[in-house]
Amino acid sequence: MYTQCPQCLTIYRVAEGDLAAARGHGRCGHCDSVFDMLPTLTTQLPLESIEFLPEHAAQATPPTLGAPVLRPRSAHASAPTADP
């Protein structure tokens, strides 16, 4: 995937894992600005000359998450039991 810094227009390749770990934000290595990578995120670069990557409108409704991968333990399950 690719994204573009809105300040200096530098384009970066971004791995899905890095995007998730950074929660969609990145710091430009060229101009040092922090920006939201999601609006210009694209899977492939256009074949024609690039000045701006097209921005995507925010979704009206957020995506529905599926089943959780990990759930926290309840407070009772992790509490030590007292020996009588």
PDB file of N, CA and C in Angstrom:
ATOM      1  N   MET A   1       0.844  -1.171   0.000  1.00  0.00           N
ATOM      2  CA  MET A   1       0.000   0.000   0.000  1.00  0.00           C
ATOM      3  C   MET A   1       0.891   1.236   0.000  1.00  0.00           C
ATOM      4  N   TYR A   2       0.309   2.333  -0.444  1.00  0.00           N
ATOM      5  CA  TYR A   2       1.037   3.591  -0.537  1.00  0.00           C
ATOM      6  C   TYR A   2       0.222   4.710   0.106  1.00  0.00           C
ATOM      7  N   THR A   3       0.927   5.715   0.634  1.00  0.00           N
ATOM      8  CA  THR A   3       0.287   6.899   1.188  1.00  0.00           C
ATOM      9  C   THR A   3       1.165   8.096   0.877  1.00  0.00           C
ATOM     10  N   GLN A   4       0.620   9.301   1.067  1.00  0.00           N
ATOM     11  CA  GLN A   4       1.351  10.511   0.709  1.00  0.00           C
ATOM     12  C   GLN A   4       1.296  11.534   1.829  1.00  0.00           C
ATOM     13  N   CYS A   5       2.441  12.143   2.111  1.00  0.00           N
ATOM     14  CA  CYS A   5       2.503  13.228   3.090  1.00  0.00           C
ATOM     15  C   CYS A   5       1.793  14.449   2.504  1.00  0.00           C
ATOM     16  N   PRO A   6       0.835  15.030   3.221  1.00  0.00           N
ATOM     17  CA  PRO A   6       0.110  16.184   2.685  1.00  0.00           C
ATOM     18  C   PRO A   6       0.941  17.469   2.675  1.00  0.00           C
ATOM     19  N   GLN A   7       2.029  17.521   3.433  1.00  0.00           N
ATOM     20  CA  GLN A   7       2.850  18.735   3.497  1.00  0.00           C
ATOM     21  C   GLN A   7       3.844  18.839   2.344  1.00  0.00           C
ATOM     22  N   CYS A   8       4.634  17.777   2.127  1.00  0.00           N
ATOM     23  CA  CYS A   8       5.691  17.837   1.110  1.00  0.00           C
ATOM     24  C   CYS A   8       5.412  16.939  -0.093  1.00  0.00           C
ATOM     25  N   LEU A   9       4.312  16.166  -0.045  1.00  0.00           N
ATOM     26  CA  LEU A   9       3.845  15.301  -1.133  1.00  0.00           C
ATOM     27  C   LEU A   9       4.737  14.089  -1.394  1.00  0.00           C
ATOM     28  N   THR A  10       5.596  13.733  -0.442  1.00  0.00           N
ATOM     29  CA  THR A  10       6.404  12.528  -0.565  1.00  0.00           C
ATOM     30  C   THR A  10       5.495  11.316  -0.446  1.00  0.00           C
ATOM     31  N   ILE A  11       5.708  10.309  -1.292  1.00  0.00           N
ATOM     32  CA  ILE A  11       4.901   9.089  -1.283  1.00  0.00           C
ATOM     33  C   ILE A  11       5.693   7.980  -0.606  1.00  0.00           C
ATOM     34  N   TYR A  12       5.023   7.235   0.272  1.00  0.00           N
ATOM     35  CA  TYR A  12       5.652   6.149   1.020  1.00  0.00           C
ATOM     36  C   TYR A  12       4.936   4.834   0.780  1.00  0.00           C
ATOM     37  N   ARG A  13       5.705   3.758   0.781  1.00  0.00           N
ATOM     38  CA  ARG A  13       5.133   2.411   0.782  1.00  0.00           C
ATOM     39  C   ARG A  13       4.903   2.050   2.248  1.00  0.00           C
ATOM     40  N   VAL A  14       3.721   1.514   2.551  1.00  0.00           N
ATOM     41  CA  VAL A  14       3.346   1.194   3.929  1.00  0.00           C
ATOM     42  C   VAL A  14       2.872  -0.251   4.001  1.00  0.00           C
ATOM     43  N   ALA A  15       3.409  -1.009   4.953  1.00  0.00           N
ATOM     44  CA  ALA A  15       2.953  -2.382   5.186  1.00  0.00           C
ATOM     45  C   ALA A  15       1.708  -2.343   6.068  1.00  0.00           C
ATOM     46  N   GLU A  16       0.807  -3.298   5.869  1.00  0.00           N
ATOM     47  CA  GLU A  16      -0.435  -3.340   6.650  1.00  0.00           C
ATOM     48  C   GLU A  16      -0.160  -3.391   8.147  1.00  0.00           C
ATOM     49  N   GLY A  17       0.809  -4.191   8.555  1.00  0.00           N
ATOM     50  CA  GLY A  17       1.133  -4.306   9.975  1.00  0.00           C
ATOM     51  C   GLY A  17       1.619  -2.997  10.567  1.00  0.00           C
ATOM     52  N   ASP A  18       2.428  -2.256   9.811  1.00  0.00           N
ATOM     53  CA  ASP A  18       2.921  -0.958  10.281  1.00  0.00           C
ATOM     54  C   ASP A  18       1.785   0.049  10.375  1.00  0.00           C
ATOM     55  N   LEU A  19       0.880   0.003   9.417  1.00  0.00           N
ATOM     56  CA  LEU A  19      -0.271   0.904   9.416  1.00  0.00           C
ATOM     57  C   LEU A  19      -1.146   0.655  10.644  1.00  0.00           C
ATOM     58  N   ALA A  20      -1.386  -0.615  10.949  1.00  0.00           N
ATOM     59  CA  ALA A  20      -2.205  -0.966  12.115  1.00  0.00           C
ATOM     60  C   ALA A  20      -1.497  -0.591  13.409  1.00  0.00           C
ATOM     61  N   ALA A  21      -0.201  -0.866  13.503  1.00  0.00           N
ATOM     62  CA  ALA A  21       0.547  -0.560  14.726  1.00  0.00           C
ATOM     63  C   ALA A  21       0.585   0.944  14.991  1.00  0.00           C
ATOM     64  N   ALA A  22       0.640   1.736  13.937  1.00  0.00           N
ATOM     65  CA  ALA A  22       0.695   3.193  14.079  1.00  0.00           C
ATOM     66  C   ALA A  22      -0.692   3.819  14.166  1.00  0.00           C
ATOM     67  N   ARG A  23      -1.714   2.982  14.113  1.00  0.00           N
ATOM     68  CA  ARG A  23      -3.108   3.443  14.158  1.00  0.00           C
ATOM     69  C   ARG A  23      -3.402   4.484  13.083  1.00  0.00           C
ATOM     70  N   GLY A  24      -2.786   4.270  11.910  1.00  0.00           N
ATOM     71  CA  GLY A  24      -3.071   5.119  10.764  1.00  0.00           C
ATOM     72  C   GLY A  24      -2.286   6.410  10.680  1.00  0.00           C
ATOM     73  N   HIS A  25      -1.405   6.663  11.634  1.00  0.00           N
ATOM     74  CA  HIS A  25      -0.633   7.903  11.618  1.00  0.00           C
ATOM     75  C   HIS A  25       0.825   7.614  11.310  1.00  0.00           C
ATOM     76  N   GLY A  26       1.488   8.559  10.663  1.00  0.00           N
ATOM     77  CA  GLY A  26       2.891   8.395  10.334  1.00  0.00           C
ATOM     78  C   GLY A  26       3.627   9.714  10.415  1.00  0.00           C
ATOM     79  N   ARG A  27       4.950   9.624  10.497  1.00  0.00           N
ATOM     80  CA  ARG A  27       5.794  10.817  10.488  1.00  0.00           C
ATOM     81  C   ARG A  27       6.590  10.801   9.192  1.00  0.00           C
ATOM     82  N   CYS A  28       6.545  11.877   8.468  1.00  0.00           N
ATOM     83  CA  CYS A  28       7.251  11.985   7.199  1.00  0.00           C
ATOM     84  C   CYS A  28       8.754  12.051   7.454  1.00  0.00           C
ATOM     85  N   GLY A  29       9.501  11.206   6.773  1.00  0.00           N
ATOM     86  CA  GLY A  29      10.950  11.208   6.908  1.00  0.00           C
ATOM     87  C   GLY A  29      11.604  12.361   6.172  1.00  0.00           C
ATOM     88  N   HIS A  30      10.850  13.050   5.322  1.00  0.00           N
ATOM     89  CA  HIS A  30      11.405  14.167   4.552  1.00  0.00           C
ATOM     90  C   HIS A  30      11.183  15.509   5.258  1.00  0.00           C
ATOM     91  N   CYS A  31       9.942  15.797   5.655  1.00  0.00           N
ATOM     92  CA  CYS A  31       9.634  17.103   6.265  1.00  0.00           C
ATOM     93  C   CYS A  31       9.307  17.009   7.755  1.00  0.00           C
ATOM     94  N   ASP A  32       9.275  15.787   8.304  1.00  0.00           N
ATOM     95  CA  ASP A  32       9.071  15.538   9.732  1.00  0.00           C
ATOM     96  C   ASP A  32       7.656  15.844  10.237  1.00  0.00           C
ATOM     97  N   SER A  33       6.686  16.042   9.352  1.00  0.00           N
ATOM     98  CA  SER A  33       5.318  16.291   9.815  1.00  0.00           C
ATOM     99  C   SER A  33       4.632  14.967  10.144  1.00  0.00           C
ATOM    100  N   VAL A  34       3.733  15.003  11.118  1.00  0.00           N
ATOM    101  CA  VAL A  34       2.931  13.840  11.491  1.00  0.00           C
ATOM    102  C   VAL A  34       1.597  13.982  10.771  1.00  0.00           C
ATOM    103  N   PHE A  35       1.151  12.897  10.118  1.00  0.00           N
ATOM    104  CA  PHE A  35      -0.075  12.993   9.328  1.00  0.00           C
ATOM    105  C   PHE A  35      -0.867  11.696   9.381  1.00  0.00           C
ATOM    106  N   ASP A  36      -2.146  11.808   9.028  1.00  0.00           N
ATOM    107  CA  ASP A  36      -3.060  10.674   8.936  1.00  0.00           C
ATOM    108  C   ASP A  36      -2.822  10.009   7.585  1.00  0.00           C
ATOM    109  N   MET A  37      -2.404   8.745   7.585  1.00  0.00           N
ATOM    110  CA  MET A  37      -2.083   8.045   6.343  1.00  0.00           C
ATOM    111  C   MET A  37      -3.317   7.526   5.609  1.00  0.00           C
ATOM    112  N   LEU A  38      -4.455   7.447   6.287  1.00  0.00           N
ATOM    113  CA  LEU A  38      -5.632   6.809   5.704  1.00  0.00           C
ATOM    114  C   LEU A  38      -6.276   7.545   4.531  1.00  0.00           C
ATOM    115  N   PRO A  39      -6.391   8.882   4.533  1.00  0.00           N
ATOM    116  CA  PRO A  39      -7.094   9.537   3.418  1.00  0.00           C
ATOM    117  C   PRO A  39      -6.480   9.290   2.041  1.00  0.00           C
ATOM    118  N   THR A  40      -5.164   9.123   1.947  1.00  0.00           N
ATOM    119  CA  THR A  40      -4.533   8.917   0.639  1.00  0.00           C
ATOM    120  C   THR A  40      -4.048   7.485   0.445  1.00  0.00           C
ATOM    121  N   LEU A  41      -4.462   6.583   1.285  1.00  0.00           N
ATOM    122  CA  LEU A  41      -4.022   5.191   1.200  1.00  0.00           C
ATOM    123  C   LEU A  41      -4.532   4.552  -0.092  1.00  0.00           C
ATOM    124  N   THR A  42      -3.647   3.900  -0.822  1.00  0.00           N
ATOM    125  CA  THR A  42      -4.012   3.237  -2.067  1.00  0.00           C
ATOM    126  C   THR A  42      -3.182   1.968  -2.224  1.00  0.00           C
ATOM    127  N   THR A  43      -3.716   1.001  -2.945  1.00  0.00           N
ATOM    128  CA  THR A  43      -3.003  -0.268  -3.113  1.00  0.00           C
ATOM    129  C   THR A  43      -2.003  -0.227  -4.254  1.00  0.00           C
ATOM    130  N   GLN A  44      -2.205   0.657  -5.227  1.00  0.00           N
ATOM    131  CA  GLN A  44      -1.228   0.771  -6.304  1.00  0.00           C
ATOM    132  C   GLN A  44      -1.146   2.217  -6.775  1.00  0.00           C
ATOM    133  N   LEU A  45       0.019   2.568  -7.278  1.00  0.00           N
ATOM    134  CA  LEU A  45       0.235   3.926  -7.757  1.00  0.00           C
ATOM    135  C   LEU A  45      -0.340   4.080  -9.161  1.00  0.00           C
ATOM    136  N   PRO A  46      -0.840   5.272  -9.490  1.00  0.00           N
ATOM    137  CA  PRO A  46      -1.346   5.501 -10.840  1.00  0.00           C
ATOM    138  C   PRO A  46      -0.209   5.412 -11.865  1.00  0.00           C
ATOM    139  N   LEU A  47      -0.532   5.037 -13.087  1.00  0.00           N
ATOM    140  CA  LEU A  47       0.480   4.914 -14.136  1.00  0.00           C
ATOM    141  C   LEU A  47       0.934   6.275 -14.661  1.00  0.00           C
ATOM    142  N   GLU A  48       0.045   7.267 -14.623  1.00  0.00           N
ATOM    143  CA  GLU A  48       0.399   8.597 -15.106  1.00  0.00           C
ATOM    144  C   GLU A  48       1.238   9.334 -14.062  1.00  0.00           C
ATOM    145  N   SER A  49       1.710  10.502 -14.426  1.00  0.00           N
ATOM    146  CA  SER A  49       2.522  11.324 -13.531  1.00  0.00           C
ATOM    147  C   SER A  49       1.745  11.610 -12.244  1.00  0.00           C
ATOM    148  N   ILE A  50       2.432  11.542 -11.130  1.00  0.00           N
ATOM    149  CA  ILE A  50       1.775  11.697  -9.828  1.00  0.00           C
ATOM    150  C   ILE A  50       2.130  13.052  -9.229  1.00  0.00           C
ATOM    151  N   GLU A  51       1.110  13.812  -8.884  1.00  0.00           N
ATOM    152  CA  GLU A  51       1.326  15.007  -8.087  1.00  0.00           C
ATOM    153  C   GLU A  51       0.658  14.796  -6.736  1.00  0.00           C
ATOM    154  N   PHE A  52      -0.608  14.398  -6.769  1.00  0.00           N
ATOM    155  CA  PHE A  52      -1.359  14.113  -5.551  1.00  0.00           C
ATOM    156  C   PHE A  52      -1.993  12.738  -5.676  1.00  0.00           C
ATOM    157  N   LEU A  53      -1.945  11.959  -4.611  1.00  0.00           N
ATOM    158  CA  LEU A  53      -2.724  10.727  -4.578  1.00  0.00           C
ATOM    159  C   LEU A  53      -4.160  11.125  -4.266  1.00  0.00           C
ATOM    160  N   PRO A  54      -5.147  10.487  -4.877  1.00  0.00           N
ATOM    161  CA  PRO A  54      -6.539  10.863  -4.608  1.00  0.00           C
ATOM    162  C   PRO A  54      -6.922  10.566  -3.162  1.00  0.00           C
ATOM    163  N   GLU A  55      -7.648  11.507  -2.553  1.00  0.00           N
ATOM    164  CA  GLU A  55      -8.116  11.301  -1.184  1.00  0.00           C
ATOM    165  C   GLU A  55      -9.424  10.544  -1.202  1.00  0.00           C
ATOM    166  N   HIS A  56      -9.618   9.729  -0.180  1.00  0.00           N
ATOM    167  CA  HIS A  56     -10.844   8.956  -0.032  1.00  0.00           C
ATOM    168  C   HIS A  56     -11.702   9.625   1.031  1.00  0.00           C
ATOM    169  N   ALA A  57     -12.982   9.697   0.776  1.00  0.00           N
ATOM    170  CA  ALA A  57     -13.897  10.255   1.771  1.00  0.00           C
ATOM    171  C   ALA A  57     -14.028   9.284   2.937  1.00  0.00           C
ATOM    172  N   ALA A  58     -14.211   9.825   4.122  1.00  0.00           N
ATOM    173  CA  ALA A  58     -14.416   8.980   5.299  1.00  0.00           C
ATOM    174  C   ALA A  58     -15.742   8.248   5.155  1.00  0.00           C
ATOM    175  N   GLN A  59     -15.785   7.024   5.650  1.00  0.00           N
ATOM    176  CA  GLN A  59     -17.020   6.252   5.581  1.00  0.00           C
ATOM    177  C   GLN A  59     -18.053   6.845   6.530  1.00  0.00           C
ATOM    178  N   ALA A  60     -19.310   6.858   6.087  1.00  0.00           N
ATOM    179  CA  ALA A  60     -20.385   7.398   6.915  1.00  0.00           C
ATOM    180  C   ALA A  60     -20.574   6.562   8.171  1.00  0.00           C
ATOM    181  N   THR A  61     -20.474   5.261   8.029  1.00  0.00           N
ATOM    182  CA  THR A  61     -20.580   4.382   9.192  1.00  0.00           C
ATOM    183  C   THR A  61     -19.265   3.634   9.349  1.00  0.00           C
ATOM    184  N   PRO A  62     -18.752   3.558  10.551  1.00  0.00           N
ATOM    185  CA  PRO A  62     -17.499   2.840  10.746  1.00  0.00           C
ATOM    186  C   PRO A  62     -17.671   1.356  10.452  1.00  0.00           C
ATOM    187  N   PRO A  63     -16.605   0.681  10.049  1.00  0.00           N
ATOM    188  CA  PRO A  63     -16.721  -0.746   9.773  1.00  0.00           C
ATOM    189  C   PRO A  63     -17.071  -1.527  11.031  1.00  0.00           C
ATOM    190  N   THR A  64     -17.824  -2.606  10.868  1.00  0.00           N
ATOM    191  CA  THR A  64     -18.190  -3.465  11.989  1.00  0.00           C
ATOM    192  C   THR A  64     -17.072  -4.464  12.222  1.00  0.00           C
ATOM    193  N   LEU A  65     -16.622  -4.538  13.443  1.00  0.00           N
ATOM    194  CA  LEU A  65     -15.552  -5.467  13.779  1.00  0.00           C
ATOM    195  C   LEU A  65     -16.115  -6.859  13.972  1.00  0.00           C
ATOM    196  N   GLY A  66     -15.353  -7.856  13.581  1.00  0.00           N
ATOM    197  CA  GLY A  66     -15.770  -9.244  13.741  1.00  0.00           C
ATOM    198  C   GLY A  66     -15.491  -9.731  15.150  1.00  0.00           C
ATOM    199  N   ALA A  67     -15.340 -11.018  15.280  1.00  0.00           N
ATOM    200  CA  ALA A  67     -15.063 -11.615  16.585  1.00  0.00           C
ATOM    201  C   ALA A  67     -13.707 -11.141  17.092  1.00  0.00           C
ATOM    202  N   PRO A  68     -13.584 -10.858  18.379  1.00  0.00           N
ATOM    203  CA  PRO A  68     -12.307 -10.415  18.924  1.00  0.00           C
ATOM    204  C   PRO A  68     -11.273 -11.535  18.877  1.00  0.00           C
ATOM    205  N   VAL A  69     -10.036 -11.144  18.716  1.00  0.00           N
ATOM    206  CA  VAL A  69      -8.946 -12.109  18.696  1.00  0.00           C
ATOM    207  C   VAL A  69      -8.555 -12.484  20.117  1.00  0.00           C
ATOM    208  N   LEU A  70      -8.621 -11.521  21.013  1.00  0.00           N
ATOM    209  CA  LEU A  70      -8.228 -11.748  22.399  1.00  0.00           C
ATOM    210  C   LEU A  70      -9.155 -10.949  23.297  1.00  0.00           C
ATOM    211  N   ARG A  71      -9.648 -11.572  24.314  1.00  0.00           N
ATOM    212  CA  ARG A  71     -10.489 -10.880  25.282  1.00  0.00           C
ATOM    213  C   ARG A  71      -9.768 -10.849  26.618  1.00  0.00           C
ATOM    214  N   PRO A  72      -9.898  -9.755  27.376  1.00  0.00           N
ATOM    215  CA  PRO A  72      -9.261  -9.702  28.689  1.00  0.00           C
ATOM    216  C   PRO A  72      -9.931 -10.679  29.648  1.00  0.00           C
ATOM    217  N   ARG A  73      -9.152 -11.178  30.565  1.00  0.00           N
ATOM    218  CA  ARG A  73      -9.714 -12.077  31.581  1.00  0.00           C
ATOM    219  C   ARG A  73     -10.569 -11.277  32.549  1.00  0.00           C
ATOM    220  N   SER A  74     -11.526 -11.934  33.139  1.00  0.00           N
ATOM    221  CA  SER A  74     -12.333 -11.240  34.141  1.00  0.00           C
ATOM    222  C   SER A  74     -11.498 -11.080  35.405  1.00  0.00           C
ATOM    223  N   ALA A  75     -11.854 -10.133  36.237  1.00  0.00           N
ATOM    224  CA  ALA A  75     -11.102  -9.868  37.464  1.00  0.00           C
ATOM    225  C   ALA A  75     -11.136 -11.075  38.395  1.00  0.00           C
ATOM    226  N   HIS A  76     -12.229 -11.832  38.375  1.00  0.00           N
ATOM    227  CA  HIS A  76     -12.364 -12.981  39.264  1.00  0.00           C
ATOM    228  C   HIS A  76     -11.506 -14.156  38.813  1.00  0.00           C
ATOM    229  N   ALA A  77     -11.320 -14.316  37.537  1.00  0.00           N
ATOM    230  CA  ALA A  77     -10.561 -15.458  37.030  1.00  0.00           C
ATOM    231  C   ALA A  77      -9.077 -15.329  37.339  1.00  0.00           C
ATOM    232  N   SER A  78      -8.557 -14.092  37.402  1.00  0.00           N
ATOM    233  CA  SER A  78      -7.131 -13.919  37.632  1.00  0.00           C
ATOM    234  C   SER A  78      -6.781 -13.679  39.100  1.00  0.00           C
ATOM    235  N   ALA A  79      -7.781 -13.492  39.957  1.00  0.00           N
ATOM    236  CA  ALA A  79      -7.512 -13.240  41.373  1.00  0.00           C
ATOM    237  C   ALA A  79      -7.090 -14.532  42.068  1.00  0.00           C
ATOM    238  N   PRO A  80      -6.044 -14.462  42.893  1.00  0.00           N
ATOM    239  CA  PRO A  80      -5.620 -15.673  43.612  1.00  0.00           C
ATOM    240  C   PRO A  80      -6.666 -16.079  44.652  1.00  0.00           C
ATOM    241  N   THR A  81      -6.787 -17.357  44.867  1.00  0.00           N
ATOM    242  CA  THR A  81      -7.742 -17.848  45.864  1.00  0.00           C
ATOM    243  C   THR A  81      -7.021 -18.032  47.190  1.00  0.00           C
ATOM    244  N   ALA A  82      -7.719 -17.766  48.269  1.00  0.00           N
ATOM    245  CA  ALA A  82      -7.138 -17.913  49.614  1.00  0.00           C
ATOM    246  C   ALA A  82      -7.260 -19.361  50.056  1.00  0.00           C
ATOM    247  N   ASP A  83      -6.203 -19.902  50.652  1.00  0.00           N
ATOM    248  CA  ASP A  83      -6.247 -21.265  51.179  1.00  0.00           C
ATOM    249  C   ASP A  83      -6.897 -21.238  52.554  1.00  0.00           C
ATOM    250  N   PRO A  84      -7.843 -22.165  52.829  1.00  0.00           N
ATOM    251  CA  PRO A  84      -8.513 -22.169  54.148  1.00  0.00           C
ATOM    252  C   PRO A  84      -7.630 -22.708  55.232  1.00  0.00           C
TER     253      PRO A  84
END
